[in-house]
Amino acid sequence: MVRNVLQVTGYTNGDVNENTNVIICWTPDGAETASDTTKDTGGTGQAIRVASYLNIPVFNLQRPKRLPQLIEFIEELK
């Protein structure tokens, strides 16, 4: 569980660093928010729940339309 939290919040030299800008994942149920998570989300569900709490966007590539939206999101970061 802690590993999944650190994937979202970062971890450098024993200190929590800064949050990630985005979560990119694939889960069988396509969960992208805390309320979407189910037992089928697996351990990734913890990272999704933390990201939801911190208002970090989640792109679950199980959802076919999310890849083009992710590419657009990345382009906007440049």
N, C-alpha and C. Protein backbone atom coordinates (compact mmCIF):
# COMPACT_ATOMS: atom_id res chain seq x y z
N MET A 1 0.82 -1.19 0.00
CA MET A 1 0.00 0.00 0.00
C MET A 1 0.87 1.26 0.00
N VAL A 2 1.91 1.26 0.79
CA VAL A 2 2.79 2.43 0.85
C VAL A 2 3.46 2.66 -0.50
N ARG A 3 3.85 1.59 -1.15
CA ARG A 3 4.48 1.72 -2.46
C ARG A 3 3.57 2.48 -3.42
N ASN A 4 2.28 2.18 -3.40
CA ASN A 4 1.34 2.85 -4.29
C ASN A 4 1.17 4.33 -3.93
N VAL A 5 1.22 4.64 -2.64
CA VAL A 5 1.15 6.04 -2.22
C VAL A 5 2.38 6.79 -2.72
N LEU A 6 3.55 6.17 -2.57
CA LEU A 6 4.79 6.83 -2.99
C LEU A 6 4.86 7.02 -4.50
N GLN A 7 4.17 6.19 -5.26
CA GLN A 7 4.12 6.38 -6.70
C GLN A 7 3.41 7.68 -7.06
N VAL A 8 2.54 8.13 -6.19
CA VAL A 8 1.79 9.36 -6.42
C VAL A 8 2.49 10.56 -5.78
N THR A 9 2.97 10.40 -4.57
CA THR A 9 3.53 11.54 -3.83
C THR A 9 5.02 11.72 -4.03
N GLY A 10 5.70 10.72 -4.55
CA GLY A 10 7.13 10.81 -4.76
C GLY A 10 7.91 10.46 -3.50
N TYR A 11 9.16 10.11 -3.67
CA TYR A 11 10.00 9.73 -2.55
C TYR A 11 11.45 9.92 -2.97
N THR A 12 12.15 10.81 -2.29
CA THR A 12 13.55 11.08 -2.61
C THR A 12 14.35 11.14 -1.33
N ASN A 13 15.37 10.33 -1.21
CA ASN A 13 16.29 10.35 -0.06
C ASN A 13 15.55 10.32 1.28
N GLY A 14 14.52 9.53 1.37
CA GLY A 14 13.81 9.39 2.62
C GLY A 14 12.77 10.45 2.91
N ASP A 15 12.64 11.44 2.04
CA ASP A 15 11.66 12.50 2.24
C ASP A 15 10.60 12.44 1.15
N VAL A 16 9.37 12.73 1.54
CA VAL A 16 8.32 12.85 0.53
C VAL A 16 8.67 14.05 -0.33
N ASN A 17 8.69 13.86 -1.61
CA ASN A 17 9.08 14.90 -2.56
C ASN A 17 7.83 15.66 -2.98
N GLU A 18 7.58 15.82 -4.23
CA GLU A 18 6.38 16.49 -4.69
C GLU A 18 5.51 15.51 -5.47
N ASN A 19 4.23 15.81 -5.52
CA ASN A 19 3.28 14.93 -6.20
C ASN A 19 3.57 14.84 -7.69
N THR A 20 3.21 13.73 -8.26
CA THR A 20 3.31 13.56 -9.69
C THR A 20 2.27 14.45 -10.38
N ASN A 21 2.46 14.71 -11.66
CA ASN A 21 1.50 15.51 -12.43
C ASN A 21 0.33 14.69 -12.95
N VAL A 22 0.54 13.40 -13.10
CA VAL A 22 -0.47 12.55 -13.73
C VAL A 22 -0.20 11.09 -13.37
N ILE A 23 -1.27 10.30 -13.33
CA ILE A 23 -1.15 8.86 -13.16
C ILE A 23 -1.57 8.21 -14.48
N ILE A 24 -0.72 7.35 -15.00
CA ILE A 24 -1.03 6.58 -16.20
C ILE A 24 -1.04 5.12 -15.79
N CYS A 25 -2.16 4.45 -16.03
CA CYS A 25 -2.27 3.07 -15.58
C CYS A 25 -3.15 2.26 -16.52
N TRP A 26 -3.25 0.98 -16.25
CA TRP A 26 -4.19 0.08 -16.92
C TRP A 26 -4.70 -0.87 -15.86
N THR A 27 -6.02 -0.90 -15.68
CA THR A 27 -6.64 -1.85 -14.78
C THR A 27 -7.80 -2.52 -15.51
N PRO A 28 -8.15 -3.73 -15.14
CA PRO A 28 -9.23 -4.44 -15.84
C PRO A 28 -10.57 -3.70 -15.83
N ASP A 29 -10.82 -2.92 -14.77
CA ASP A 29 -12.12 -2.24 -14.67
C ASP A 29 -12.09 -0.80 -15.18
N GLY A 30 -10.94 -0.30 -15.60
CA GLY A 30 -10.85 1.05 -16.15
C GLY A 30 -11.01 2.16 -15.13
N ALA A 31 -10.80 1.87 -13.85
CA ALA A 31 -11.01 2.86 -12.78
C ALA A 31 -10.11 4.07 -12.95
N GLU A 32 -10.69 5.25 -12.72
CA GLU A 32 -9.92 6.50 -12.77
C GLU A 32 -10.17 7.40 -11.57
N THR A 33 -11.15 7.10 -10.76
CA THR A 33 -11.44 7.89 -9.56
C THR A 33 -11.59 6.94 -8.38
N ALA A 34 -11.55 7.49 -7.19
CA ALA A 34 -11.71 6.68 -5.99
C ALA A 34 -13.02 5.90 -6.03
N SER A 35 -14.09 6.54 -6.47
CA SER A 35 -15.39 5.86 -6.49
C SER A 35 -15.48 4.81 -7.58
N ASP A 36 -14.59 4.85 -8.57
CA ASP A 36 -14.56 3.83 -9.63
C ASP A 36 -13.90 2.53 -9.17
N THR A 37 -13.03 2.61 -8.16
CA THR A 37 -12.23 1.44 -7.80
C THR A 37 -13.09 0.31 -7.25
N THR A 38 -12.69 -0.90 -7.62
CA THR A 38 -13.35 -2.13 -7.17
C THR A 38 -12.26 -3.13 -6.83
N LYS A 39 -12.64 -4.32 -6.43
CA LYS A 39 -11.65 -5.37 -6.18
C LYS A 39 -10.87 -5.69 -7.45
N ASP A 40 -11.48 -5.45 -8.60
CA ASP A 40 -10.82 -5.71 -9.88
C ASP A 40 -9.74 -4.68 -10.22
N THR A 41 -9.74 -3.56 -9.51
CA THR A 41 -8.72 -2.54 -9.75
C THR A 41 -7.37 -3.02 -9.25
N GLY A 42 -7.38 -3.87 -8.24
CA GLY A 42 -6.15 -4.39 -7.68
C GLY A 42 -5.40 -3.33 -6.89
N GLY A 43 -4.09 -3.55 -6.72
CA GLY A 43 -3.26 -2.64 -5.92
C GLY A 43 -3.18 -1.24 -6.49
N THR A 44 -3.37 -1.11 -7.79
CA THR A 44 -3.35 0.20 -8.42
C THR A 44 -4.46 1.09 -7.87
N GLY A 45 -5.49 0.47 -7.33
CA GLY A 45 -6.60 1.22 -6.76
C GLY A 45 -6.15 2.18 -5.67
N GLN A 46 -5.16 1.79 -4.90
CA GLN A 46 -4.65 2.68 -3.84
C GLN A 46 -4.05 3.94 -4.45
N ALA A 47 -3.26 3.79 -5.50
CA ALA A 47 -2.69 4.95 -6.18
C ALA A 47 -3.79 5.83 -6.77
N ILE A 48 -4.81 5.21 -7.34
CA ILE A 48 -5.92 5.97 -7.92
C ILE A 48 -6.67 6.73 -6.83
N ARG A 49 -6.90 6.09 -5.69
CA ARG A 49 -7.60 6.77 -4.60
C ARG A 49 -6.79 7.96 -4.07
N VAL A 50 -5.49 7.79 -3.92
CA VAL A 50 -4.63 8.89 -3.47
C VAL A 50 -4.65 10.02 -4.50
N ALA A 51 -4.52 9.67 -5.77
CA ALA A 51 -4.55 10.68 -6.83
C ALA A 51 -5.88 11.43 -6.82
N SER A 52 -6.98 10.73 -6.62
CA SER A 52 -8.29 11.38 -6.55
C SER A 52 -8.32 12.38 -5.41
N TYR A 53 -7.83 11.96 -4.25
CA TYR A 53 -7.80 12.83 -3.08
C TYR A 53 -6.98 14.09 -3.33
N LEU A 54 -5.88 13.94 -4.09
CA LEU A 54 -4.98 15.06 -4.36
C LEU A 54 -5.31 15.79 -5.67
N ASN A 55 -6.43 15.43 -6.30
CA ASN A 55 -6.85 16.06 -7.57
C ASN A 55 -5.81 15.92 -8.68
N ILE A 56 -5.18 14.76 -8.74
CA ILE A 56 -4.22 14.46 -9.79
C ILE A 56 -4.96 13.66 -10.87
N PRO A 57 -4.85 14.08 -12.14
CA PRO A 57 -5.57 13.36 -13.18
C PRO A 57 -5.05 11.93 -13.35
N VAL A 58 -5.99 11.02 -13.62
CA VAL A 58 -5.67 9.62 -13.86
C VAL A 58 -6.12 9.26 -15.28
N PHE A 59 -5.23 8.69 -16.05
CA PHE A 59 -5.55 8.21 -17.39
C PHE A 59 -5.41 6.70 -17.36
N ASN A 60 -6.53 6.01 -17.38
CA ASN A 60 -6.52 4.54 -17.39
C ASN A 60 -6.64 4.10 -18.84
N LEU A 61 -5.58 3.54 -19.36
CA LEU A 61 -5.52 3.19 -20.78
C LEU A 61 -6.37 1.97 -21.14
N GLN A 62 -7.08 1.41 -20.17
CA GLN A 62 -8.06 0.38 -20.48
C GLN A 62 -9.22 1.02 -21.24
N ARG A 63 -9.42 2.31 -21.04
CA ARG A 63 -10.46 3.08 -21.73
C ARG A 63 -9.88 3.59 -23.04
N PRO A 64 -10.33 3.08 -24.17
CA PRO A 64 -9.72 3.42 -25.46
C PRO A 64 -9.61 4.92 -25.76
N LYS A 65 -10.55 5.72 -25.34
CA LYS A 65 -10.52 7.15 -25.65
C LYS A 65 -9.51 7.92 -24.81
N ARG A 66 -8.96 7.30 -23.81
CA ARG A 66 -8.06 8.02 -22.91
C ARG A 66 -6.67 8.25 -23.51
N LEU A 67 -6.20 7.39 -24.42
CA LEU A 67 -4.87 7.59 -25.00
C LEU A 67 -4.77 8.92 -25.75
N PRO A 68 -5.71 9.23 -26.64
CA PRO A 68 -5.62 10.55 -27.29
C PRO A 68 -5.72 11.71 -26.29
N GLN A 69 -6.52 11.54 -25.25
CA GLN A 69 -6.63 12.59 -24.23
C GLN A 69 -5.34 12.73 -23.45
N LEU A 70 -4.65 11.62 -23.20
CA LEU A 70 -3.36 11.66 -22.52
C LEU A 70 -2.33 12.38 -23.38
N ILE A 71 -2.31 12.08 -24.66
CA ILE A 71 -1.36 12.75 -25.57
C ILE A 71 -1.61 14.25 -25.56
N GLU A 72 -2.87 14.65 -25.59
CA GLU A 72 -3.22 16.07 -25.54
C GLU A 72 -2.75 16.70 -24.22
N PHE A 73 -2.95 15.99 -23.12
CA PHE A 73 -2.51 16.47 -21.80
C PHE A 73 -1.01 16.68 -21.79
N ILE A 74 -0.27 15.74 -22.33
CA ILE A 74 1.20 15.85 -22.37
C ILE A 74 1.63 17.03 -23.22
N GLU A 75 0.99 17.21 -24.36
CA GLU A 75 1.32 18.33 -25.24
C GLU A 75 1.11 19.66 -24.52
N GLU A 76 0.07 19.75 -23.71
CA GLU A 76 -0.20 20.98 -22.98
C GLU A 76 0.85 21.25 -21.90
N LEU A 77 1.51 20.21 -21.41
CA LEU A 77 2.55 20.38 -20.40
C LEU A 77 3.84 20.95 -20.98
N LYS A 78 4.03 20.77 -22.27
CA LYS A 78 5.29 21.20 -22.90
C LYS A 78 5.47 22.70 -22.89
